[in-house]
Amino acid sequence: MATGQAAGVCAALTVRHGHGPRGLPYRLVQRELLRQGARLRLGQAEGT
């Protein structure tokens, strides 16, 4: 379910902000997932 939620958030933000999928800042995705109540392990995308 978490992967589906993240994929949906990415798709919606891509359309909303007019970026291609690779041009979407990951912090924007993290912020929206946190707003929706998702539990994340922050710092993983940065390799820490």
PDB file of N, CA and C in Angstrom:
ATOM      1  N   MET A   1       0.812  -1.181   0.000  1.00  0.00           N
ATOM      2  CA  MET A   1       0.000   0.000   0.000  1.00  0.00           C
ATOM      3  C   MET A   1       0.860   1.252   0.000  1.00  0.00           C
ATOM      4  N   ALA A   2       1.954   1.232   0.733  1.00  0.00           N
ATOM      5  CA  ALA A   2       2.802   2.416   0.817  1.00  0.00           C
ATOM      6  C   ALA A   2       3.399   2.759  -0.547  1.00  0.00           C
ATOM      7  N   THR A   3       3.782   1.730  -1.308  1.00  0.00           N
ATOM      8  CA  THR A   3       4.331   1.973  -2.640  1.00  0.00           C
ATOM      9  C   THR A   3       3.277   2.578  -3.549  1.00  0.00           C
ATOM     10  N   GLY A   4       2.058   2.088  -3.450  1.00  0.00           N
ATOM     11  CA  GLY A   4       0.956   2.637  -4.242  1.00  0.00           C
ATOM     12  C   GLY A   4       0.665   4.083  -3.877  1.00  0.00           C
ATOM     13  N   GLN A   5       0.699   4.383  -2.596  1.00  0.00           N
ATOM     14  CA  GLN A   5       0.472   5.758  -2.147  1.00  0.00           C
ATOM     15  C   GLN A   5       1.565   6.666  -2.692  1.00  0.00           C
ATOM     16  N   ALA A   6       2.803   6.232  -2.596  1.00  0.00           N
ATOM     17  CA  ALA A   6       3.922   7.042  -3.089  1.00  0.00           C
ATOM     18  C   ALA A   6       3.824   7.232  -4.601  1.00  0.00           C
ATOM     19  N   ALA A   7       3.459   6.200  -5.323  1.00  0.00           N
ATOM     20  CA  ALA A   7       3.324   6.313  -6.778  1.00  0.00           C
ATOM     21  C   ALA A   7       2.211   7.289  -7.146  1.00  0.00           C
ATOM     22  N   GLY A   8       1.102   7.221  -6.427  1.00  0.00           N
ATOM     23  CA  GLY A   8       0.002   8.146  -6.677  1.00  0.00           C
ATOM     24  C   GLY A   8       0.372   9.583  -6.381  1.00  0.00           C
ATOM     25  N   VAL A   9       1.089   9.791  -5.292  1.00  0.00           N
ATOM     26  CA  VAL A   9       1.545  11.136  -4.933  1.00  0.00           C
ATOM     27  C   VAL A   9       2.488  11.664  -6.010  1.00  0.00           C
ATOM     28  N   CYS A  10       3.408  10.826  -6.459  1.00  0.00           N
ATOM     29  CA  CYS A  10       4.341  11.248  -7.514  1.00  0.00           C
ATOM     30  C   CYS A  10       3.597  11.617  -8.795  1.00  0.00           C
ATOM     31  N   ALA A  11       2.633  10.803  -9.172  1.00  0.00           N
ATOM     32  CA  ALA A  11       1.863  11.088 -10.387  1.00  0.00           C
ATOM     33  C   ALA A  11       1.096  12.396 -10.258  1.00  0.00           C
ATOM     34  N   ALA A  12       0.445  12.596  -9.132  1.00  0.00           N
ATOM     35  CA  ALA A  12      -0.339  13.822  -8.939  1.00  0.00           C
ATOM     36  C   ALA A  12       0.556  15.058  -8.917  1.00  0.00           C
ATOM     37  N   LEU A  13       1.684  14.977  -8.228  1.00  0.00           N
ATOM     38  CA  LEU A  13       2.588  16.129  -8.161  1.00  0.00           C
ATOM     39  C   LEU A  13       3.223  16.421  -9.515  1.00  0.00           C
ATOM     40  N   THR A  14       3.496  15.381 -10.286  1.00  0.00           N
ATOM     41  CA  THR A  14       4.053  15.571 -11.623  1.00  0.00           C
ATOM     42  C   THR A  14       3.095  16.379 -12.484  1.00  0.00           C
ATOM     43  N   VAL A  15       1.827  16.024 -12.436  1.00  0.00           N
ATOM     44  CA  VAL A  15       0.818  16.746 -13.215  1.00  0.00           C
ATOM     45  C   VAL A  15       0.631  18.158 -12.671  1.00  0.00           C
ATOM     46  N   ARG A  16       0.533  18.279 -11.365  1.00  0.00           N
ATOM     47  CA  ARG A  16       0.277  19.579 -10.744  1.00  0.00           C
ATOM     48  C   ARG A  16       1.391  20.585 -11.009  1.00  0.00           C
ATOM     49  N   HIS A  17       2.629  20.120 -10.987  1.00  0.00           N
ATOM     50  CA  HIS A  17       3.769  21.031 -11.106  1.00  0.00           C
ATOM     51  C   HIS A  17       4.366  21.066 -12.507  1.00  0.00           C
ATOM     52  N   GLY A  18       3.871  20.245 -13.412  1.00  0.00           N
ATOM     53  CA  GLY A  18       4.331  20.275 -14.789  1.00  0.00           C
ATOM     54  C   GLY A  18       5.747  19.762 -15.000  1.00  0.00           C
ATOM     55  N   HIS A  19       6.249  18.961 -14.077  1.00  0.00           N
ATOM     56  CA  HIS A  19       7.572  18.350 -14.218  1.00  0.00           C
ATOM     57  C   HIS A  19       7.405  16.990 -14.879  1.00  0.00           C
ATOM     58  N   GLY A  20       8.483  16.505 -15.490  1.00  0.00           N
ATOM     59  CA  GLY A  20       8.524  15.099 -15.837  1.00  0.00           C
ATOM     60  C   GLY A  20       8.776  14.326 -14.557  1.00  0.00           C
ATOM     61  N   PRO A  21       8.555  13.037 -14.570  1.00  0.00           N
ATOM     62  CA  PRO A  21       8.741  12.250 -13.339  1.00  0.00           C
ATOM     63  C   PRO A  21      10.146  12.371 -12.745  1.00  0.00           C
ATOM     64  N   ARG A  22      11.151  12.477 -13.571  1.00  0.00           N
ATOM     65  CA  ARG A  22      12.526  12.575 -13.059  1.00  0.00           C
ATOM     66  C   ARG A  22      12.870  13.984 -12.596  1.00  0.00           C
ATOM     67  N   GLY A  23      12.058  14.968 -12.983  1.00  0.00           N
ATOM     68  CA  GLY A  23      12.322  16.342 -12.588  1.00  0.00           C
ATOM     69  C   GLY A  23      11.633  16.755 -11.302  1.00  0.00           C
ATOM     70  N   LEU A  24      10.911  15.836 -10.703  1.00  0.00           N
ATOM     71  CA  LEU A  24      10.163  16.131  -9.487  1.00  0.00           C
ATOM     72  C   LEU A  24      11.087  16.053  -8.281  1.00  0.00           C
ATOM     73  N   PRO A  25      11.237  17.131  -7.521  1.00  0.00           N
ATOM     74  CA  PRO A  25      12.110  17.087  -6.343  1.00  0.00           C
ATOM     75  C   PRO A  25      11.592  16.087  -5.300  1.00  0.00           C
ATOM     76  N   TYR A  26      12.477  15.212  -4.823  1.00  0.00           N
ATOM     77  CA  TYR A  26      12.037  14.187  -3.877  1.00  0.00           C
ATOM     78  C   TYR A  26      11.520  14.796  -2.581  1.00  0.00           C
ATOM     79  N   ARG A  27      12.034  15.954  -2.199  1.00  0.00           N
ATOM     80  CA  ARG A  27      11.563  16.579  -0.955  1.00  0.00           C
ATOM     81  C   ARG A  27      10.095  16.990  -1.062  1.00  0.00           C
ATOM     82  N   LEU A  28       9.663  17.347  -2.254  1.00  0.00           N
ATOM     83  CA  LEU A  28       8.262  17.682  -2.482  1.00  0.00           C
ATOM     84  C   LEU A  28       7.390  16.446  -2.252  1.00  0.00           C
ATOM     85  N   VAL A  29       7.856  15.313  -2.737  1.00  0.00           N
ATOM     86  CA  VAL A  29       7.134  14.052  -2.543  1.00  0.00           C
ATOM     87  C   VAL A  29       7.111  13.690  -1.055  1.00  0.00           C
ATOM     88  N   GLN A  30       8.254  13.805  -0.389  1.00  0.00           N
ATOM     89  CA  GLN A  30       8.312  13.510   1.044  1.00  0.00           C
ATOM     90  C   GLN A  30       7.348  14.390   1.827  1.00  0.00           C
ATOM     91  N   ARG A  31       7.344  15.671   1.517  1.00  0.00           N
ATOM     92  CA  ARG A  31       6.486  16.619   2.240  1.00  0.00           C
ATOM     93  C   ARG A  31       5.011  16.229   2.095  1.00  0.00           C
ATOM     94  N   GLU A  32       4.605  15.858   0.883  1.00  0.00           N
ATOM     95  CA  GLU A  32       3.207  15.480   0.666  1.00  0.00           C
ATOM     96  C   GLU A  32       2.863  14.171   1.359  1.00  0.00           C
ATOM     97  N   LEU A  33       3.764  13.207   1.304  1.00  0.00           N
ATOM     98  CA  LEU A  33       3.505  11.941   1.988  1.00  0.00           C
ATOM     99  C   LEU A  33       3.378  12.158   3.496  1.00  0.00           C
ATOM    100  N   LEU A  34       4.233  12.985   4.070  1.00  0.00           N
ATOM    101  CA  LEU A  34       4.137  13.291   5.493  1.00  0.00           C
ATOM    102  C   LEU A  34       2.829  14.006   5.816  1.00  0.00           C
ATOM    103  N   ARG A  35       2.415  14.905   4.923  1.00  0.00           N
ATOM    104  CA  ARG A  35       1.149  15.614   5.121  1.00  0.00           C
ATOM    105  C   ARG A  35      -0.027  14.628   5.148  1.00  0.00           C
ATOM    106  N   GLN A  36       0.092  13.571   4.373  1.00  0.00           N
ATOM    107  CA  GLN A  36      -0.960  12.554   4.309  1.00  0.00           C
ATOM    108  C   GLN A  36      -0.866  11.534   5.444  1.00  0.00           C
ATOM    109  N   GLY A  37       0.150  11.667   6.289  1.00  0.00           N
ATOM    110  CA  GLY A  37       0.264  10.780   7.440  1.00  0.00           C
ATOM    111  C   GLY A  37       1.145   9.562   7.233  1.00  0.00           C
ATOM    112  N   ALA A  38       1.877   9.520   6.134  1.00  0.00           N
ATOM    113  CA  ALA A  38       2.778   8.386   5.892  1.00  0.00           C
ATOM    114  C   ALA A  38       3.944   8.437   6.866  1.00  0.00           C
ATOM    115  N   ARG A  39       4.460   7.265   7.212  1.00  0.00           N
ATOM    116  CA  ARG A  39       5.644   7.188   8.065  1.00  0.00           C
ATOM    117  C   ARG A  39       6.841   6.936   7.164  1.00  0.00           C
ATOM    118  N   LEU A  40       7.808   7.823   7.219  1.00  0.00           N
ATOM    119  CA  LEU A  40       8.988   7.725   6.358  1.00  0.00           C
ATOM    120  C   LEU A  40      10.250   7.616   7.191  1.00  0.00           C
ATOM    121  N   ARG A  41      11.251   6.982   6.620  1.00  0.00           N
ATOM    122  CA  ARG A  41      12.591   7.001   7.191  1.00  0.00           C
ATOM    123  C   ARG A  41      13.349   8.070   6.429  1.00  0.00           C
ATOM    124  N   LEU A  42      13.359   9.276   6.955  1.00  0.00           N
ATOM    125  CA  LEU A  42      13.990  10.395   6.262  1.00  0.00           C
ATOM    126  C   LEU A  42      15.503  10.220   6.232  1.00  0.00           C
ATOM    127  N   GLY A  43      16.123  10.726   5.174  1.00  0.00           N
ATOM    128  CA  GLY A  43      17.554  10.604   4.997  1.00  0.00           C
ATOM    129  C   GLY A  43      17.944   9.449   4.103  1.00  0.00           C
ATOM    130  N   GLN A  44      17.036   8.533   3.811  1.00  0.00           N
ATOM    131  CA  GLN A  44      17.349   7.378   2.986  1.00  0.00           C
ATOM    132  C   GLN A  44      17.660   7.790   1.547  1.00  0.00           C
ATOM    133  N   ALA A  45      16.967   8.777   1.010  1.00  0.00           N
ATOM    134  CA  ALA A  45      17.179   9.187  -0.366  1.00  0.00           C
ATOM    135  C   ALA A  45      18.541   9.851  -0.553  1.00  0.00           C
ATOM    136  N   GLU A  46      19.087  10.358   0.524  1.00  0.00           N
ATOM    137  CA  GLU A  46      20.376  11.024   0.447  1.00  0.00           C
ATOM    138  C   GLU A  46      21.528  10.053   0.662  1.00  0.00           C
ATOM    139  N   GLY A  47      21.224   8.811   0.928  1.00  0.00           N
ATOM    140  CA  GLY A  47      22.268   7.821   1.129  1.00  0.00           C
ATOM    141  C   GLY A  47      22.863   7.807   2.520  1.00  0.00           C
ATOM    142  N   THR A  48      22.150   8.375   3.504  1.00  0.00           N
ATOM    143  CA  THR A  48      22.654   8.377   4.875  1.00  0.00           C
ATOM    144  C   THR A  48      22.051   7.241   5.675  1.00  0.00           C
TER     145      THR A  48
END
